């Protein structure tokens, strides 16, 4: 479970290009669909994340507050057991839990590798939860409502699900193909925005 908690924590928290600061969550803010970077990088999410690798699987509840290049992510198990806190600022990302203690890194990717040995383009996650590609190299497929249905980017395929006519996804399924027909799979269900 230690590896899973670290993976979930690192995946959720390292979603923005530059990460900073500790924030306390209050009411989730609506994401404003605007081309301005300021609006795009101000959001609050609550939900559940599940990780399945060839070696293990597990899930956690998350709260994620993003304000520009600052974020605070908290992961907890059922009934709040096993709390892990991930915070960041430009040039410093930290993970803190009772099981692991404090782990620090310069970037979300470095934190993930230190904590788990796993490499992934996790800074893309802040774009993906907003149904946007993180790079110009992404291959995208849109649905009949012109919403992002699937993207393939930096070795990951992300499938997006929406409630009714909502413009932002309520579920993301991230898959990374591995050797021997195996895969890493992350399911992120967003319950509140």
N, C-alpha and C. Protein backbone atom coordinates (compact mmCIF):
# COMPACT_ATOMS: atom_id res chain seq x y z
N UNK A 1 0.83 -1.20 0.00
CA UNK A 1 0.00 0.00 0.00
C UNK A 1 0.87 1.25 0.00
N UNK A 2 2.09 1.15 0.54
CA UNK A 2 2.97 2.29 0.57
C UNK A 2 3.27 2.79 -0.84
N UNK A 3 3.58 1.88 -1.74
CA UNK A 3 3.87 2.24 -3.12
C UNK A 3 2.65 2.88 -3.77
N UNK A 4 1.49 2.33 -3.54
CA UNK A 4 0.27 2.87 -4.13
C UNK A 4 -0.01 4.28 -3.63
N UNK A 5 0.11 4.49 -2.33
CA UNK A 5 -0.16 5.82 -1.78
C UNK A 5 0.79 6.85 -2.38
N UNK A 6 2.03 6.47 -2.57
CA UNK A 6 3.00 7.39 -3.15
C UNK A 6 2.66 7.68 -4.60
N UNK A 7 2.27 6.66 -5.34
CA UNK A 7 1.92 6.85 -6.75
C UNK A 7 0.71 7.77 -6.86
N UNK A 8 -0.34 7.48 -6.10
CA UNK A 8 -1.54 8.32 -6.16
C UNK A 8 -1.21 9.75 -5.78
N UNK A 9 -0.47 9.90 -4.71
CA UNK A 9 -0.14 11.22 -4.23
C UNK A 9 0.67 11.98 -5.26
N UNK A 10 1.68 11.34 -5.79
CA UNK A 10 2.52 12.02 -6.77
C UNK A 10 1.75 12.32 -8.05
N UNK A 11 0.90 11.39 -8.50
CA UNK A 11 0.14 11.62 -9.73
C UNK A 11 -0.84 12.78 -9.56
N UNK A 12 -1.49 12.84 -8.45
CA UNK A 12 -2.46 13.92 -8.26
C UNK A 12 -1.78 15.26 -8.09
N UNK A 13 -0.71 15.28 -7.32
CA UNK A 13 -0.14 16.56 -6.94
C UNK A 13 0.74 17.18 -7.98
N UNK A 14 1.30 16.40 -8.81
CA UNK A 14 2.27 16.97 -9.73
C UNK A 14 1.66 17.29 -11.05
N UNK A 15 0.52 17.85 -11.01
CA UNK A 15 -0.22 18.06 -12.23
C UNK A 15 0.04 19.39 -12.90
N UNK A 16 0.72 20.28 -12.28
CA UNK A 16 0.92 21.59 -12.87
C UNK A 16 2.39 21.80 -13.19
N UNK A 17 2.64 22.62 -14.16
CA UNK A 17 3.99 22.86 -14.61
C UNK A 17 4.88 23.32 -13.47
N UNK A 18 4.42 24.24 -12.70
CA UNK A 18 5.16 24.67 -11.52
C UNK A 18 4.23 24.52 -10.34
N UNK A 19 4.74 23.95 -9.26
CA UNK A 19 3.88 23.65 -8.14
C UNK A 19 4.32 24.43 -6.92
N UNK A 20 3.33 24.92 -6.17
CA UNK A 20 3.68 25.72 -5.02
C UNK A 20 2.65 25.64 -3.93
N UNK A 21 3.11 25.76 -2.72
CA UNK A 21 2.36 26.15 -1.56
C UNK A 21 1.32 25.24 -1.01
N UNK A 22 0.98 25.54 0.22
CA UNK A 22 -0.04 24.81 0.97
C UNK A 22 -1.31 25.65 0.99
N UNK A 23 -2.39 25.10 0.60
CA UNK A 23 -3.68 25.78 0.62
C UNK A 23 -4.67 24.88 1.34
N UNK A 24 -5.65 25.49 1.98
CA UNK A 24 -6.70 24.69 2.61
C UNK A 24 -7.92 24.71 1.70
N UNK A 25 -8.54 23.58 1.56
CA UNK A 25 -9.70 23.49 0.68
C UNK A 25 -10.95 23.96 1.41
N UNK A 26 -11.76 24.70 0.70
CA UNK A 26 -13.06 25.07 1.22
C UNK A 26 -14.09 24.55 0.25
N UNK A 27 -14.88 25.40 -0.35
CA UNK A 27 -15.83 24.96 -1.35
C UNK A 27 -15.11 24.82 -2.68
N UNK A 28 -15.41 23.76 -3.44
CA UNK A 28 -14.80 23.64 -4.76
C UNK A 28 -15.17 24.83 -5.64
N UNK A 29 -14.20 25.32 -6.39
CA UNK A 29 -14.42 26.43 -7.31
C UNK A 29 -14.77 25.89 -8.68
N UNK A 30 -15.62 26.59 -9.39
CA UNK A 30 -15.92 26.22 -10.78
C UNK A 30 -14.72 26.56 -11.64
N UNK A 31 -14.40 25.69 -12.56
CA UNK A 31 -13.35 25.97 -13.51
C UNK A 31 -13.96 26.81 -14.62
N UNK A 32 -13.35 27.92 -14.93
CA UNK A 32 -13.84 28.79 -15.98
C UNK A 32 -13.14 28.39 -17.27
N UNK A 33 -13.91 27.98 -18.25
CA UNK A 33 -13.33 27.57 -19.52
C UNK A 33 -12.93 28.82 -20.29
N UNK A 34 -11.70 29.23 -20.12
CA UNK A 34 -11.20 30.46 -20.71
C UNK A 34 -9.80 30.23 -21.23
N UNK A 35 -9.40 30.93 -22.27
CA UNK A 35 -8.05 30.76 -22.76
C UNK A 35 -6.99 31.38 -21.86
N UNK A 36 -7.39 32.12 -20.85
CA UNK A 36 -6.42 32.76 -19.97
C UNK A 36 -5.82 31.72 -19.03
N UNK A 37 -4.50 31.73 -18.94
CA UNK A 37 -3.80 30.78 -18.09
C UNK A 37 -4.23 30.91 -16.64
N UNK A 38 -4.47 32.14 -16.18
CA UNK A 38 -4.86 32.34 -14.79
C UNK A 38 -6.10 31.53 -14.44
N UNK A 39 -7.13 31.62 -15.26
CA UNK A 39 -8.37 30.92 -14.97
C UNK A 39 -8.20 29.41 -15.07
N UNK A 40 -7.44 28.97 -16.06
CA UNK A 40 -7.26 27.54 -16.27
C UNK A 40 -6.56 26.87 -15.11
N UNK A 41 -5.66 27.55 -14.45
CA UNK A 41 -4.89 26.93 -13.39
C UNK A 41 -5.40 27.28 -12.00
N UNK A 42 -6.67 27.62 -11.91
CA UNK A 42 -7.34 27.80 -10.63
C UNK A 42 -8.50 26.83 -10.59
N UNK A 43 -8.35 25.74 -9.85
CA UNK A 43 -9.45 24.79 -9.72
C UNK A 43 -9.32 24.00 -8.44
N UNK A 44 -10.42 23.40 -8.08
CA UNK A 44 -10.49 22.55 -6.91
C UNK A 44 -11.22 21.28 -7.30
N UNK A 45 -10.65 20.14 -6.99
CA UNK A 45 -11.26 18.86 -7.33
C UNK A 45 -11.32 17.96 -6.10
N UNK A 46 -12.35 17.16 -6.06
CA UNK A 46 -12.47 16.12 -5.03
C UNK A 46 -12.95 14.86 -5.73
N UNK A 47 -12.44 13.73 -5.30
CA UNK A 47 -12.87 12.49 -5.92
C UNK A 47 -12.10 11.29 -5.42
N UNK A 48 -11.98 10.33 -6.31
CA UNK A 48 -11.32 9.06 -5.97
C UNK A 48 -10.36 8.70 -7.09
N UNK A 49 -9.22 8.15 -6.71
CA UNK A 49 -8.24 7.72 -7.69
C UNK A 49 -7.85 6.27 -7.40
N UNK A 50 -7.73 5.51 -8.47
CA UNK A 50 -7.32 4.12 -8.35
C UNK A 50 -6.13 3.88 -9.26
N UNK A 51 -5.17 3.09 -8.78
CA UNK A 51 -3.98 2.76 -9.54
C UNK A 51 -3.85 1.25 -9.61
N UNK A 52 -3.59 0.76 -10.82
CA UNK A 52 -3.34 -0.67 -10.99
C UNK A 52 -2.10 -0.84 -11.85
N UNK A 53 -1.13 -1.54 -11.32
CA UNK A 53 0.09 -1.86 -12.05
C UNK A 53 0.21 -3.38 -12.07
N UNK A 54 1.14 -3.93 -12.84
CA UNK A 54 1.31 -5.38 -12.81
C UNK A 54 1.68 -5.91 -11.42
N UNK A 55 2.24 -5.05 -10.58
CA UNK A 55 2.66 -5.49 -9.24
C UNK A 55 1.60 -5.32 -8.16
N UNK A 56 0.72 -4.33 -8.29
CA UNK A 56 -0.24 -4.07 -7.21
C UNK A 56 -1.36 -3.16 -7.68
N UNK A 57 -2.35 -2.97 -6.79
CA UNK A 57 -3.43 -2.04 -7.07
C UNK A 57 -3.95 -1.48 -5.75
N UNK A 58 -4.64 -0.35 -5.85
CA UNK A 58 -5.21 0.28 -4.67
C UNK A 58 -5.95 1.54 -5.07
N UNK A 59 -6.59 2.16 -4.08
CA UNK A 59 -7.34 3.38 -4.36
C UNK A 59 -7.29 4.31 -3.15
N UNK A 60 -7.61 5.58 -3.40
CA UNK A 60 -7.63 6.59 -2.35
C UNK A 60 -8.60 7.69 -2.74
N UNK A 61 -9.07 8.41 -1.75
CA UNK A 61 -9.85 9.62 -1.99
C UNK A 61 -8.87 10.78 -2.07
N UNK A 62 -9.19 11.79 -2.89
CA UNK A 62 -8.28 12.92 -3.01
C UNK A 62 -9.03 14.23 -2.95
N UNK A 63 -8.34 15.25 -2.49
CA UNK A 63 -8.75 16.64 -2.64
C UNK A 63 -7.55 17.35 -3.25
N UNK A 64 -7.82 18.20 -4.22
CA UNK A 64 -6.74 18.86 -4.96
C UNK A 64 -7.14 20.31 -5.19
N UNK A 65 -6.38 21.22 -4.64
CA UNK A 65 -6.58 22.64 -4.85
C UNK A 65 -5.41 23.17 -5.66
N UNK A 66 -5.71 23.78 -6.79
CA UNK A 66 -4.69 24.34 -7.68
C UNK A 66 -4.93 25.83 -7.81
N UNK A 67 -3.94 26.63 -7.48
CA UNK A 67 -4.02 28.08 -7.67
C UNK A 67 -2.75 28.52 -8.38
N UNK A 68 -2.89 28.70 -9.70
CA UNK A 68 -1.76 29.03 -10.56
C UNK A 68 -0.67 27.97 -10.41
N UNK A 69 0.51 28.36 -9.95
CA UNK A 69 1.60 27.39 -9.81
C UNK A 69 1.73 26.87 -8.39
N UNK A 70 0.64 26.93 -7.63
CA UNK A 70 0.61 26.41 -6.27
C UNK A 70 -0.43 25.31 -6.17
N UNK A 71 -0.14 24.28 -5.38
CA UNK A 71 -1.13 23.23 -5.22
C UNK A 71 -1.00 22.60 -3.84
N UNK A 72 -2.07 21.95 -3.45
CA UNK A 72 -2.11 21.16 -2.22
C UNK A 72 -3.00 19.97 -2.52
N UNK A 73 -2.46 18.78 -2.36
CA UNK A 73 -3.23 17.56 -2.60
C UNK A 73 -3.16 16.69 -1.35
N UNK A 74 -4.30 16.17 -1.00
CA UNK A 74 -4.38 15.27 0.14
C UNK A 74 -5.01 13.96 -0.33
N UNK A 75 -4.36 12.86 0.02
CA UNK A 75 -4.89 11.53 -0.28
C UNK A 75 -5.20 10.84 1.03
N UNK A 76 -6.37 10.18 1.06
CA UNK A 76 -6.75 9.42 2.24
C UNK A 76 -7.41 8.12 1.81
N UNK A 77 -7.30 7.12 2.67
CA UNK A 77 -8.00 5.87 2.44
C UNK A 77 -9.42 5.96 2.98
N UNK A 78 -10.08 4.84 3.04
CA UNK A 78 -11.44 4.79 3.57
C UNK A 78 -11.45 5.29 5.01
N UNK A 79 -12.43 6.11 5.36
CA UNK A 79 -12.59 6.71 6.68
C UNK A 79 -11.40 7.57 7.07
N UNK A 80 -10.70 8.13 6.09
CA UNK A 80 -9.60 9.05 6.37
C UNK A 80 -8.32 8.39 6.82
N UNK A 81 -8.21 7.09 6.70
CA UNK A 81 -7.02 6.37 7.14
C UNK A 81 -5.89 6.58 6.14
N UNK A 82 -4.66 6.69 6.63
CA UNK A 82 -3.49 6.76 5.77
C UNK A 82 -3.34 8.07 5.03
N UNK A 83 -3.50 9.18 5.71
CA UNK A 83 -3.42 10.49 5.07
C UNK A 83 -2.01 10.76 4.54
N UNK A 84 -1.97 11.26 3.30
CA UNK A 84 -0.72 11.68 2.68
C UNK A 84 -0.94 13.07 2.10
N UNK A 85 0.01 13.94 2.32
CA UNK A 85 -0.08 15.32 1.86
C UNK A 85 1.02 15.56 0.82
N UNK A 86 0.64 16.17 -0.31
CA UNK A 86 1.61 16.55 -1.32
C UNK A 86 1.44 18.04 -1.56
N UNK A 87 2.54 18.75 -1.49
CA UNK A 87 2.52 20.19 -1.71
C UNK A 87 3.69 20.54 -2.60
N UNK A 88 3.60 21.69 -3.24
CA UNK A 88 4.69 22.08 -4.09
C UNK A 88 4.77 23.56 -4.33
N UNK A 89 5.89 23.95 -4.83
CA UNK A 89 6.14 25.31 -5.29
C UNK A 89 7.21 25.19 -6.36
N UNK A 90 7.40 26.21 -7.17
CA UNK A 90 8.39 26.08 -8.23
C UNK A 90 9.74 25.64 -7.65
N UNK A 91 10.24 24.52 -8.14
CA UNK A 91 11.53 24.00 -7.71
C UNK A 91 11.50 23.13 -6.47
N UNK A 92 10.33 22.93 -5.85
CA UNK A 92 10.25 22.08 -4.67
C UNK A 92 8.87 21.44 -4.55
N UNK A 93 8.87 20.12 -4.45
CA UNK A 93 7.64 19.36 -4.27
C UNK A 93 7.89 18.45 -3.07
N UNK A 94 6.89 18.35 -2.18
CA UNK A 94 7.06 17.50 -1.00
C UNK A 94 5.91 16.51 -0.87
N UNK A 95 6.24 15.37 -0.34
CA UNK A 95 5.26 14.33 -0.01
C UNK A 95 5.48 14.00 1.45
N UNK A 96 4.42 13.98 2.24
CA UNK A 96 4.56 13.69 3.66
C UNK A 96 3.45 12.77 4.11
N UNK A 97 3.83 11.66 4.72
CA UNK A 97 2.86 10.74 5.31
C UNK A 97 3.51 10.04 6.50
N UNK A 98 2.67 9.46 7.34
CA UNK A 98 3.18 8.75 8.51
C UNK A 98 4.03 7.55 8.09
N UNK A 99 3.68 6.92 6.98
CA UNK A 99 4.41 5.73 6.54
C UNK A 99 5.77 6.06 5.93
N UNK A 100 5.85 7.15 5.17
CA UNK A 100 7.07 7.46 4.43
C UNK A 100 7.89 8.57 5.04
N UNK A 101 7.27 9.40 5.86
CA UNK A 101 7.95 10.59 6.31
C UNK A 101 7.95 11.62 5.20
N UNK A 102 8.87 12.55 5.26
CA UNK A 102 8.94 13.64 4.29
C UNK A 102 9.89 13.27 3.16
N UNK A 103 9.40 13.41 1.94
CA UNK A 103 10.22 13.21 0.74
C UNK A 103 10.14 14.50 -0.05
N UNK A 104 11.29 15.01 -0.49
CA UNK A 104 11.30 16.25 -1.27
C UNK A 104 11.97 16.00 -2.63
N UNK A 105 11.59 16.82 -3.60
CA UNK A 105 12.16 16.73 -4.93
C UNK A 105 12.01 18.08 -5.62
N UNK A 106 12.70 18.23 -6.74
CA UNK A 106 12.65 19.47 -7.50
C UNK A 106 11.41 19.53 -8.39
N UNK A 107 10.96 18.36 -8.88
CA UNK A 107 9.82 18.32 -9.79
C UNK A 107 8.89 17.17 -9.40
N UNK A 108 7.65 17.20 -9.88
CA UNK A 108 6.74 16.09 -9.61
C UNK A 108 7.26 14.76 -10.15
N UNK A 109 7.86 14.80 -11.33
CA UNK A 109 8.40 13.56 -11.90
C UNK A 109 9.51 12.99 -11.04
N UNK A 110 10.38 13.86 -10.53
CA UNK A 110 11.46 13.40 -9.66
C UNK A 110 10.90 12.84 -8.36
N UNK A 111 9.87 13.47 -7.82
CA UNK A 111 9.24 12.99 -6.60
C UNK A 111 8.66 11.59 -6.81
N UNK A 112 7.95 11.42 -7.92
CA UNK A 112 7.37 10.11 -8.23
C UNK A 112 8.45 9.05 -8.34
N UNK A 113 9.53 9.38 -9.02
CA UNK A 113 10.61 8.40 -9.19
C UNK A 113 11.28 8.09 -7.86
N UNK A 114 11.50 9.10 -7.02
CA UNK A 114 12.10 8.87 -5.70
C UNK A 114 11.21 7.98 -4.84
N UNK A 115 9.91 8.26 -4.88
CA UNK A 115 8.97 7.56 -4.01
C UNK A 115 8.66 6.15 -4.50
N UNK A 116 8.66 5.96 -5.83
CA UNK A 116 8.16 4.68 -6.36
C UNK A 116 9.07 4.00 -7.37
N UNK A 117 10.01 4.75 -7.94
CA UNK A 117 10.83 4.21 -9.01
C UNK A 117 10.12 4.26 -10.36
N UNK A 118 8.95 4.85 -10.41
CA UNK A 118 8.10 4.90 -11.59
C UNK A 118 8.28 6.23 -12.29
N UNK A 119 8.34 6.23 -13.62
CA UNK A 119 8.46 7.46 -14.39
C UNK A 119 7.17 7.69 -15.19
N UNK A 120 6.69 8.93 -15.15
CA UNK A 120 5.47 9.28 -15.88
C UNK A 120 5.43 10.79 -16.08
N UNK A 121 4.78 11.26 -17.15
CA UNK A 121 4.65 12.71 -17.39
C UNK A 121 3.53 13.30 -16.55
N UNK A 122 3.68 13.30 -15.25
CA UNK A 122 2.58 13.64 -14.36
C UNK A 122 2.22 15.12 -14.35
N UNK A 123 3.11 15.98 -14.84
CA UNK A 123 2.76 17.40 -14.90
C UNK A 123 1.62 17.63 -15.91
N UNK A 124 1.39 16.68 -16.78
CA UNK A 124 0.30 16.81 -17.76
C UNK A 124 -1.08 16.70 -17.11
N UNK A 125 -1.16 16.13 -15.95
CA UNK A 125 -2.46 15.85 -15.34
C UNK A 125 -3.32 17.10 -15.15
N UNK A 126 -2.72 18.24 -14.85
CA UNK A 126 -3.51 19.47 -14.67
C UNK A 126 -4.22 19.86 -15.96
N UNK A 127 -3.62 19.56 -17.09
CA UNK A 127 -4.27 19.82 -18.38
C UNK A 127 -5.35 18.78 -18.64
N UNK A 128 -5.02 17.53 -18.37
CA UNK A 128 -5.94 16.44 -18.67
C UNK A 128 -7.24 16.55 -17.89
N UNK A 129 -7.19 16.96 -16.61
CA UNK A 129 -8.44 17.10 -15.84
C UNK A 129 -9.31 18.21 -16.38
N UNK A 130 -8.73 19.09 -17.20
CA UNK A 130 -9.48 20.16 -17.85
C UNK A 130 -9.82 19.80 -19.30
N UNK A 131 -9.62 18.52 -19.66
CA UNK A 131 -9.91 18.02 -21.00
C UNK A 131 -9.12 18.76 -22.07
N UNK A 132 -7.82 18.92 -21.80
CA UNK A 132 -6.95 19.60 -22.74
C UNK A 132 -5.65 18.81 -22.88
N UNK A 133 -5.09 18.80 -24.08
CA UNK A 133 -3.76 18.20 -24.23
C UNK A 133 -2.71 19.09 -23.57
N UNK A 134 -1.64 18.49 -23.09
CA UNK A 134 -0.57 19.25 -22.43
C UNK A 134 0.48 19.73 -23.42
N UNK A 135 0.58 19.09 -24.58
CA UNK A 135 1.58 19.45 -25.57
C UNK A 135 0.95 19.52 -26.96
N UNK A 136 1.67 20.12 -27.87
CA UNK A 136 1.20 20.19 -29.26
C UNK A 136 1.33 18.85 -29.97
N UNK A 137 2.05 17.91 -29.38
CA UNK A 137 2.26 16.59 -30.00
C UNK A 137 1.17 15.58 -29.68
N UNK A 138 0.20 15.96 -28.88
CA UNK A 138 -0.86 15.03 -28.49
C UNK A 138 -1.73 14.67 -29.70
N UNK A 139 -2.12 13.40 -29.76
CA UNK A 139 -3.07 12.95 -30.76
C UNK A 139 -4.43 12.91 -30.08
N UNK A 140 -5.42 13.61 -30.65
CA UNK A 140 -6.71 13.73 -29.97
C UNK A 140 -7.86 13.23 -30.83
N UNK A 141 -8.89 12.75 -30.13
CA UNK A 141 -10.15 12.35 -30.74
C UNK A 141 -11.24 13.07 -29.96
N UNK A 142 -12.17 13.69 -30.68
CA UNK A 142 -13.27 14.40 -30.02
C UNK A 142 -14.58 13.64 -30.20
N UNK A 143 -15.52 13.88 -29.28
CA UNK A 143 -16.83 13.24 -29.38
C UNK A 143 -17.78 14.09 -30.22
N UNK A 144 -19.02 13.66 -30.32
CA UNK A 144 -20.01 14.37 -31.15
C UNK A 144 -20.33 15.77 -30.63
N UNK A 145 -19.99 16.06 -29.37
CA UNK A 145 -20.19 17.39 -28.79
C UNK A 145 -18.92 18.23 -28.82
N UNK A 146 -17.93 17.78 -29.58
CA UNK A 146 -16.65 18.47 -29.73
C UNK A 146 -15.84 18.51 -28.43
N UNK A 147 -16.10 17.56 -27.53
CA UNK A 147 -15.32 17.45 -26.30
C UNK A 147 -14.21 16.42 -26.52
N UNK A 148 -13.14 16.57 -25.78
CA UNK A 148 -12.05 15.62 -25.88
C UNK A 148 -12.51 14.25 -25.40
N UNK A 149 -12.45 13.27 -26.27
CA UNK A 149 -12.87 11.91 -25.93
C UNK A 149 -11.67 11.04 -25.57
N UNK A 150 -10.58 11.21 -26.31
CA UNK A 150 -9.37 10.43 -26.05
C UNK A 150 -8.17 11.21 -26.53
N UNK A 151 -7.06 11.07 -25.80
CA UNK A 151 -5.81 11.62 -26.27
C UNK A 151 -4.69 10.63 -25.99
N UNK A 152 -3.68 10.69 -26.84
CA UNK A 152 -2.47 9.91 -26.65
C UNK A 152 -1.33 10.91 -26.60
N UNK A 153 -0.57 10.84 -25.49
CA UNK A 153 0.46 11.84 -25.25
C UNK A 153 1.54 11.27 -24.36
N UNK A 154 2.79 11.42 -24.79
CA UNK A 154 3.97 11.00 -24.02
C UNK A 154 3.84 9.59 -23.44
N UNK A 155 3.37 8.65 -24.26
CA UNK A 155 3.30 7.26 -23.84
C UNK A 155 2.05 6.87 -23.07
N UNK A 156 1.12 7.78 -22.91
CA UNK A 156 -0.12 7.52 -22.18
C UNK A 156 -1.32 7.72 -23.11
N UNK A 157 -2.35 6.90 -22.92
CA UNK A 157 -3.63 7.09 -23.58
C UNK A 157 -4.63 7.45 -22.48
N UNK A 158 -5.36 8.53 -22.69
CA UNK A 158 -6.32 9.01 -21.69
C UNK A 158 -7.71 9.01 -22.33
N UNK A 159 -8.65 8.31 -21.69
CA UNK A 159 -10.05 8.29 -22.12
C UNK A 159 -10.84 9.19 -21.16
N UNK A 160 -11.70 10.03 -21.73
CA UNK A 160 -12.47 11.00 -20.96
C UNK A 160 -13.95 10.63 -20.98
N UNK A 161 -14.61 10.72 -19.81
CA UNK A 161 -16.06 10.51 -19.71
C UNK A 161 -16.68 11.77 -19.12
N UNK A 162 -17.92 12.06 -19.54
CA UNK A 162 -18.60 13.28 -19.12
C UNK A 162 -20.01 12.96 -18.63
N UNK A 163 -20.50 13.77 -17.71
CA UNK A 163 -21.91 13.72 -17.31
C UNK A 163 -22.70 14.58 -18.26
N UNK A 164 -23.67 13.98 -18.91
CA UNK A 164 -24.61 14.72 -19.77
C UNK A 164 -23.88 15.67 -20.72
N UNK A 165 -24.21 16.96 -20.64
CA UNK A 165 -23.64 17.95 -21.54
C UNK A 165 -22.50 18.75 -20.91
N UNK A 166 -21.97 18.28 -19.80
CA UNK A 166 -20.87 18.98 -19.13
C UNK A 166 -19.67 19.09 -20.07
N UNK A 167 -18.94 20.18 -19.95
CA UNK A 167 -17.77 20.39 -20.80
C UNK A 167 -16.48 19.88 -20.18
N UNK A 168 -16.50 19.60 -18.87
CA UNK A 168 -15.32 19.06 -18.19
C UNK A 168 -15.60 17.62 -17.76
N UNK A 169 -14.59 16.77 -17.83
CA UNK A 169 -14.81 15.35 -17.56
C UNK A 169 -15.05 15.06 -16.09
N UNK A 170 -15.83 14.00 -15.85
CA UNK A 170 -16.02 13.52 -14.49
C UNK A 170 -15.21 12.24 -14.25
N UNK A 171 -14.61 11.71 -15.33
CA UNK A 171 -13.80 10.50 -15.18
C UNK A 171 -12.69 10.50 -16.23
N UNK A 172 -11.49 10.13 -15.79
CA UNK A 172 -10.36 9.95 -16.69
C UNK A 172 -9.80 8.57 -16.47
N UNK A 173 -9.50 7.88 -17.56
CA UNK A 173 -8.86 6.57 -17.51
C UNK A 173 -7.53 6.70 -18.24
N UNK A 174 -6.42 6.61 -17.51
CA UNK A 174 -5.09 6.76 -18.06
C UNK A 174 -4.46 5.38 -18.18
N UNK A 175 -3.89 5.08 -19.35
CA UNK A 175 -3.27 3.78 -19.58
C UNK A 175 -1.89 3.97 -20.19
N UNK A 176 -0.93 3.22 -19.66
CA UNK A 176 0.42 3.20 -20.19
C UNK A 176 0.76 1.76 -20.55
N UNK A 177 0.98 1.52 -21.82
CA UNK A 177 1.30 0.15 -22.27
C UNK A 177 2.70 -0.22 -21.82
N UNK A 178 2.84 -1.46 -21.35
CA UNK A 178 4.12 -2.01 -20.92
C UNK A 178 4.44 -3.24 -21.75
N UNK A 179 5.60 -3.80 -21.54
CA UNK A 179 6.00 -5.02 -22.25
C UNK A 179 5.08 -6.18 -21.87
N UNK A 180 5.04 -7.18 -22.72
CA UNK A 180 4.28 -8.41 -22.49
C UNK A 180 2.79 -8.16 -22.30
N UNK A 181 2.22 -7.22 -23.05
CA UNK A 181 0.79 -6.90 -23.00
C UNK A 181 0.30 -6.50 -21.61
N UNK A 182 1.16 -5.94 -20.79
CA UNK A 182 0.77 -5.44 -19.47
C UNK A 182 0.63 -3.93 -19.56
N UNK A 183 0.04 -3.34 -18.53
CA UNK A 183 -0.14 -1.90 -18.53
C UNK A 183 -0.22 -1.34 -17.12
N UNK A 184 0.10 -0.05 -17.00
CA UNK A 184 -0.20 0.72 -15.80
C UNK A 184 -1.51 1.42 -16.10
N UNK A 185 -2.42 1.44 -15.13
CA UNK A 185 -3.74 2.02 -15.34
C UNK A 185 -4.10 2.88 -14.12
N UNK A 186 -4.55 4.09 -14.41
CA UNK A 186 -4.99 5.01 -13.36
C UNK A 186 -6.40 5.45 -13.71
N UNK A 187 -7.31 5.30 -12.76
CA UNK A 187 -8.68 5.75 -12.93
C UNK A 187 -8.93 6.89 -11.96
N UNK A 188 -9.36 8.02 -12.50
CA UNK A 188 -9.61 9.20 -11.68
C UNK A 188 -11.06 9.61 -11.85
N UNK A 189 -11.83 9.53 -10.76
CA UNK A 189 -13.23 9.94 -10.78
C UNK A 189 -13.34 11.27 -10.04
N UNK A 190 -13.85 12.28 -10.73
CA UNK A 190 -13.99 13.61 -10.14
C UNK A 190 -15.44 13.77 -9.70
N UNK A 191 -15.65 13.86 -8.38
CA UNK A 191 -16.99 13.95 -7.83
C UNK A 191 -17.46 15.38 -7.66
N UNK A 192 -16.52 16.28 -7.36
CA UNK A 192 -16.85 17.70 -7.16
C UNK A 192 -15.79 18.57 -7.81
N UNK A 193 -16.25 19.65 -8.43
CA UNK A 193 -15.35 20.66 -9.00
C UNK A 193 -15.66 21.98 -8.37
